[in-house]
Protein backbone atom coordinates (compact mmCIF):
# COMPACT_ATOMS: atom_id res chain seq x y z
CA UNK A 1 -38.10 84.68 34.39
CA UNK A 2 -35.08 82.12 34.80
CA UNK A 3 -35.97 78.49 35.47
CA UNK A 4 -33.88 76.50 38.12
CA UNK A 5 -34.81 72.84 38.32
CA UNK A 6 -35.64 71.12 41.63
CA UNK A 7 -32.97 68.59 40.98
CA UNK A 8 -30.26 71.13 40.63
CA UNK A 9 -31.05 72.52 44.01
CA UNK A 10 -31.17 69.09 45.40
CA UNK A 11 -27.78 67.97 43.96
CA UNK A 12 -26.15 71.21 45.04
CA UNK A 13 -27.44 71.07 48.54
CA UNK A 14 -26.36 67.46 48.91
CA UNK A 15 -22.81 68.37 47.87
CA UNK A 16 -22.82 71.18 50.20
CA UNK A 17 -23.65 69.13 53.25
CA UNK A 18 -20.93 66.72 52.54
CA UNK A 19 -18.31 69.33 51.75
CA UNK A 20 -19.06 71.57 54.69
CA UNK A 21 -18.74 68.62 57.06
CA UNK A 22 -15.48 67.35 55.73
CA UNK A 23 -13.52 70.60 54.92
CA UNK A 24 -13.17 73.67 56.86
CA UNK A 25 -13.54 76.92 54.86
CA UNK A 26 -10.33 78.77 53.80
CA UNK A 27 -10.81 81.68 56.14
CA UNK A 28 -11.13 79.31 59.10
CA UNK A 29 -8.04 77.45 58.12
CA UNK A 30 -6.14 80.62 57.85
CA UNK A 31 -7.24 81.68 61.26
CA UNK A 32 -6.20 78.47 62.84
CA UNK A 33 -2.78 78.71 61.39
CA UNK A 34 -2.42 82.30 62.57
CA UNK A 35 -3.72 81.33 65.96
CA UNK A 36 -0.72 78.82 66.33
CA UNK A 37 1.78 81.56 65.72
CA UNK A 38 0.22 84.01 68.13
CA UNK A 39 -0.73 81.61 71.03
CA UNK A 40 1.39 82.34 74.19
CA UNK A 41 0.67 79.19 75.96
CA UNK A 42 2.55 76.02 75.10
CA UNK A 43 -0.44 73.77 75.88
CA UNK A 44 -2.56 76.10 73.90
CA UNK A 45 -0.23 75.80 70.88
CA UNK A 46 -0.29 72.02 71.23
CA UNK A 47 -4.09 71.89 71.31
CA UNK A 48 -4.21 74.19 68.09
CA UNK A 49 -1.77 71.83 66.28
CA UNK A 50 -3.91 68.92 67.28
CA UNK A 51 -6.97 70.67 65.77
CA UNK A 52 -5.14 71.16 62.46
CA UNK A 53 -3.79 67.63 62.62
CA UNK A 54 -7.59 66.63 62.99
CA UNK A 55 -8.31 68.52 59.89
CA UNK A 56 -5.62 66.71 57.96
CA UNK A 57 -6.96 63.24 59.09
CA UNK A 58 -10.52 64.18 58.18
CA UNK A 59 -9.33 64.96 54.76
CA UNK A 60 -7.12 61.92 54.30
CA UNK A 61 -9.71 59.47 55.73
CA UNK A 62 -12.86 61.25 54.35
CA UNK A 63 -14.43 61.64 57.80
CA UNK A 64 -16.28 64.50 59.33
CA UNK A 65 -14.36 67.27 60.87
CA UNK A 66 -16.61 66.95 63.97
CA UNK A 67 -18.67 64.13 65.14
CA UNK A 68 -21.50 66.55 65.65
CA UNK A 69 -22.48 67.19 62.01
CA UNK A 70 -24.93 69.64 63.25
CA UNK A 71 -28.49 70.92 62.22
CA UNK A 72 -28.48 72.15 58.64
CA UNK A 73 -29.12 75.90 58.89
CA UNK A 74 -29.52 77.79 55.52
CA UNK A 75 -29.51 81.30 54.44
CA UNK A 76 -31.03 81.53 51.03
CA UNK A 77 -31.24 84.77 48.88
CA UNK A 78 -33.88 84.13 46.14
CA UNK A 79 -33.95 86.53 43.22
CA UNK A 80 -37.37 87.52 42.49
CA UNK A 81 -36.88 86.60 38.77
CA UNK A 82 -35.89 83.09 39.57
CA UNK A 83 -38.45 80.37 39.30
CA UNK A 84 -38.17 76.67 40.72
CA UNK A 85 -39.21 74.13 38.13
CA UNK A 86 -40.47 70.80 39.42
CA UNK A 87 -41.40 71.52 42.99
CA UNK A 88 -40.99 73.83 45.99
CA UNK A 89 -37.62 75.45 47.02
CA UNK A 90 -38.04 74.39 50.69
CA UNK A 91 -38.82 70.73 49.60
CA UNK A 92 -35.64 70.63 47.38
CA UNK A 93 -33.34 71.92 50.09
CA UNK A 94 -34.73 69.33 52.56
CA UNK A 95 -34.32 66.60 49.95
CA UNK A 96 -30.73 67.77 49.43
CA UNK A 97 -30.08 67.58 53.17
CA UNK A 98 -31.64 64.05 53.43
CA UNK A 99 -29.50 62.91 50.60
CA UNK A 100 -26.30 64.53 51.85
CA UNK A 101 -26.61 63.30 55.40
CA UNK A 102 -27.64 59.64 54.55
CA UNK A 103 -25.56 59.10 51.34
CA UNK A 104 -22.53 60.94 53.06
CA UNK A 105 -22.87 58.84 56.14
CA UNK A 106 -23.14 62.00 58.39
CA UNK A 107 -24.57 61.80 61.85
CA UNK A 108 -28.31 62.26 61.92
CA UNK A 109 -28.91 64.69 64.97
CA UNK A 110 -32.43 65.95 64.38
CA UNK A 111 -35.54 64.71 66.25
CA UNK A 112 -38.97 65.52 64.84
CA UNK A 113 -40.53 66.76 68.05
CA UNK A 114 -38.79 68.65 70.90
CA UNK A 115 -40.42 66.77 73.61
CA UNK A 116 -41.04 63.22 72.05
CA UNK A 117 -37.55 63.32 70.58
CA UNK A 118 -37.83 60.61 67.86
CA UNK A 119 -34.91 60.90 65.42
CA UNK A 120 -36.02 61.67 62.06
CA UNK A 121 -33.03 59.63 60.67
CA UNK A 122 -32.01 61.82 57.73
CA UNK A 123 -31.28 65.07 59.62
CA UNK A 124 -34.36 66.82 58.37
CA UNK A 125 -36.01 69.21 58.58
CA UNK A 126 -33.50 71.90 57.98
CA UNK A 127 -33.73 75.38 59.41
CA UNK A 128 -34.21 77.70 56.35
CA UNK A 129 -34.16 81.55 56.30
CA UNK A 130 -35.15 83.27 53.14
CA UNK A 131 -34.53 86.70 51.79
CA UNK A 132 -36.09 87.94 48.46
CA UNK A 133 -33.61 89.87 46.36
CA UNK A 134 -33.28 91.36 42.95
CA UNK A 135 -32.02 89.20 40.09
CA UNK A 136 -32.65 85.76 38.68
CA UNK A 137 -30.23 83.64 40.85
CA UNK A 138 -30.40 81.73 44.12
CA UNK A 139 -27.65 82.08 46.61
CA UNK A 140 -27.63 79.36 49.00
CA UNK A 141 -25.44 79.37 52.44
CA UNK A 142 -25.23 76.33 54.47
CA UNK A 143 -24.14 76.46 58.12
CA UNK A 144 -24.29 73.12 59.81
CA UNK A 145 -24.55 73.99 63.62
CA UNK A 146 -23.55 71.68 66.47
CA UNK A 147 -25.36 72.19 69.61
CA UNK A 148 -22.34 72.11 71.95
CA UNK A 149 -21.88 75.79 71.10
CA UNK A 150 -25.49 76.50 70.07
CA UNK A 151 -26.47 75.87 73.60
CA UNK A 152 -24.19 78.46 74.90
CA UNK A 153 -25.97 81.33 73.05
CA UNK A 154 -27.92 84.10 74.57
CA UNK A 155 -30.16 86.92 73.92
CA UNK A 156 -30.01 90.16 76.13
CA UNK A 157 -32.91 92.64 75.95
CA UNK A 158 -31.06 95.70 77.07
CA UNK A 159 -32.38 99.12 77.71
CA UNK A 160 -31.24 101.96 75.57
CA UNK A 161 -29.43 103.66 78.52
CA UNK A 162 -27.26 100.45 78.89
CA UNK A 163 -25.61 101.83 75.59
CA UNK A 164 -22.42 100.48 74.17
CA UNK A 165 -20.82 99.44 77.49
CA UNK A 166 -24.02 97.25 78.16
CA UNK A 167 -23.42 95.59 74.75
CA UNK A 168 -19.88 94.89 75.60
CA UNK A 169 -20.84 93.44 79.09
CA UNK A 170 -23.38 91.24 77.43
CA UNK A 171 -20.95 89.70 74.83
CA UNK A 172 -18.31 89.16 77.45
CA UNK A 173 -20.87 87.47 79.85
CA UNK A 174 -22.00 85.15 77.12
CA UNK A 175 -18.40 84.16 76.34
CA UNK A 176 -17.42 83.75 80.01
CA UNK A 177 -20.49 81.63 80.70
CA UNK A 178 -19.75 79.31 77.66
CA UNK A 179 -16.33 78.67 78.83
CA UNK A 180 -14.94 75.38 77.61
CA UNK A 181 -18.39 74.11 76.63
CA UNK A 182 -18.29 75.89 73.21
CA UNK A 183 -15.21 74.07 72.18
CA UNK A 184 -12.72 77.09 71.95
CA UNK A 185 -11.21 78.68 70.06
CA UNK A 186 -14.58 79.89 68.96
CA UNK A 187 -16.15 82.42 66.56
CA UNK A 188 -18.45 84.74 68.32
CA UNK A 189 -21.44 85.99 66.14
CA UNK A 190 -23.33 89.09 67.54
CA UNK A 191 -26.49 90.70 66.48
CA UNK A 192 -27.24 94.08 67.76
CA UNK A 193 -30.70 95.86 67.08
CA UNK A 194 -33.86 94.94 65.55
CA UNK A 195 -36.27 92.88 67.62
CA UNK A 196 -35.91 89.74 69.99
CA UNK A 197 -35.73 87.34 66.93
CA UNK A 198 -33.93 89.63 64.47
CA UNK A 199 -31.11 90.04 66.74
CA UNK A 200 -30.61 86.25 67.08
CA UNK A 201 -30.89 85.85 63.42
CA UNK A 202 -28.22 88.46 62.71
CA UNK A 203 -25.94 86.77 65.27
CA UNK A 204 -26.25 83.46 63.55
CA UNK A 205 -25.74 84.88 60.18
CA UNK A 206 -22.74 86.62 61.36
CA UNK A 207 -21.07 83.41 61.86
CA UNK A 208 -21.00 82.71 58.00
CA UNK A 209 -19.04 86.10 57.23
CA UNK A 210 -15.54 85.75 55.85
CA UNK A 211 -13.14 87.16 58.29
CA UNK A 212 -11.68 89.47 55.68
CA UNK A 213 -15.02 91.09 55.05
CA UNK A 214 -14.72 93.88 57.93
CA UNK A 215 -17.70 96.10 58.74
CA UNK A 216 -18.07 99.45 56.99
CA UNK A 217 -19.51 101.07 60.02
CA UNK A 218 -16.49 102.41 62.05
CA UNK A 219 -17.85 101.88 65.53
CA UNK A 220 -18.94 98.31 64.66
CA UNK A 221 -15.40 97.41 63.36
CA UNK A 222 -13.86 99.03 66.49
CA UNK A 223 -16.22 97.01 68.72
CA UNK A 224 -15.18 93.77 66.89
CA UNK A 225 -11.56 94.44 67.50
CA UNK A 226 -11.96 95.45 71.21
CA UNK A 227 -14.26 92.41 71.95
CA UNK A 228 -11.71 89.99 70.25
CA UNK A 229 -8.96 91.57 72.43
CA UNK A 230 -11.01 91.22 75.62
CA UNK A 231 -12.30 87.86 74.93
CA UNK A 232 -8.69 86.51 74.43
CA UNK A 233 -7.61 88.11 77.61
CA UNK A 234 -10.21 85.94 79.64
CA UNK A 235 -7.72 83.02 79.61
CA UNK A 236 -10.15 80.27 78.62
CA UNK A 237 -7.93 79.31 75.75
CA UNK A 238 -7.90 76.34 73.29
CA UNK A 239 -10.02 73.51 74.45
CA UNK A 240 -10.78 75.64 77.59
CA UNK A 241 -7.47 74.62 79.05
CA UNK A 242 -6.00 78.15 79.17
CA UNK A 243 -4.23 80.35 76.70
CA UNK A 244 -4.49 83.62 74.71
CA UNK A 245 -6.68 82.28 71.86
CA UNK A 246 -10.36 81.92 73.19
CA UNK A 247 -11.96 83.31 70.08
CA UNK A 248 -10.65 83.57 66.39
CA UNK A 249 -13.04 86.28 65.48
CA UNK A 250 -15.90 88.40 66.56
CA UNK A 251 -18.45 89.20 63.86
CA UNK A 252 -21.12 91.66 64.47
CA UNK A 253 -24.20 92.57 62.43
CA UNK A 254 -26.45 95.45 63.23
CA UNK A 255 -30.10 96.73 62.33
CA UNK A 256 -32.47 99.45 63.12
CA UNK A 257 -34.41 99.10 66.37
CA UNK A 258 -37.23 100.60 68.49
CA UNK A 259 -36.70 103.62 70.70
CA UNK A 260 -37.34 101.68 73.82
CA UNK A 261 -35.14 98.79 72.99
CA UNK A 262 -31.46 97.59 72.51
CA UNK A 263 -31.66 93.77 71.80
CA UNK A 264 -28.22 91.99 71.70
CA UNK A 265 -27.76 88.39 70.62
CA UNK A 266 -24.69 86.16 70.83
CA UNK A 267 -24.48 83.09 68.84
CA UNK A 268 -21.22 81.15 69.42
CA UNK A 269 -19.62 78.57 67.20
CA UNK A 270 -16.78 76.24 67.93
CA UNK A 271 -13.45 75.83 66.04
CA UNK A 272 -15.16 74.10 63.20
CA UNK A 273 -17.25 77.11 62.17
CA UNK A 274 -18.71 75.39 59.16
CA UNK A 275 -20.09 77.42 56.14
CA UNK A 276 -20.36 77.00 52.39
CA UNK A 277 -22.02 79.17 49.73
CA UNK A 278 -23.26 78.39 46.24
CA UNK A 279 -24.97 80.62 43.74
CA UNK A 280 -27.27 78.81 41.18
């Protein structure tokens, strides 16, 4: 049994919160640079260049890349041979978020009750998804999620007879309905299969996948390519002002499902698709 201290987790989560909100991941930076070259609209090119300039200013001035520093969403793989010394893992993650958002001067956007809506003033509690895996390490992925794009997400409970064409229509419907409200160019996470909640979880986790890590299932890879092409033909464009770059990527996760169902979830993220991973 390998021991991992409570404070080690707190310290790493604190750093992750600050870094994720100040710097875009390498895959997202590369995707934006590539988008500038491919964008057909002059206004679209101008907006994409402004987005890159925004990243440079955030780096130079040490300010967040977006004013909405999001709700802290975590995907945590816990090795069954790892033991947390000094407290509970959930408490350590939330303490790291508290320190990261207060000491890092990040906007606190979490309210403790969805109706009473009193701000918790430290961006806790986080939303944490756990997976027990083999080994003695803990792999933590943080994805701060702003709600401009989060509010544009959808779940469709399709019938099996709707098939792949129904899935395509669901994805396009969600993106068209989101329009400029998701701060395009966007990344579109899709979850197909499972149950109502499993599809949504897969869609959210799909947003954290590196763009270079393509699916191994042929039809999923083909669907990602087709949906990206069709989404970029919608004309929504950078900033919602028209152009050929509405989405930078479509990432799809799949899972087994019931004979009577075909759940499809679409979780959209804006151009600051923030994610960072550390293994302890």
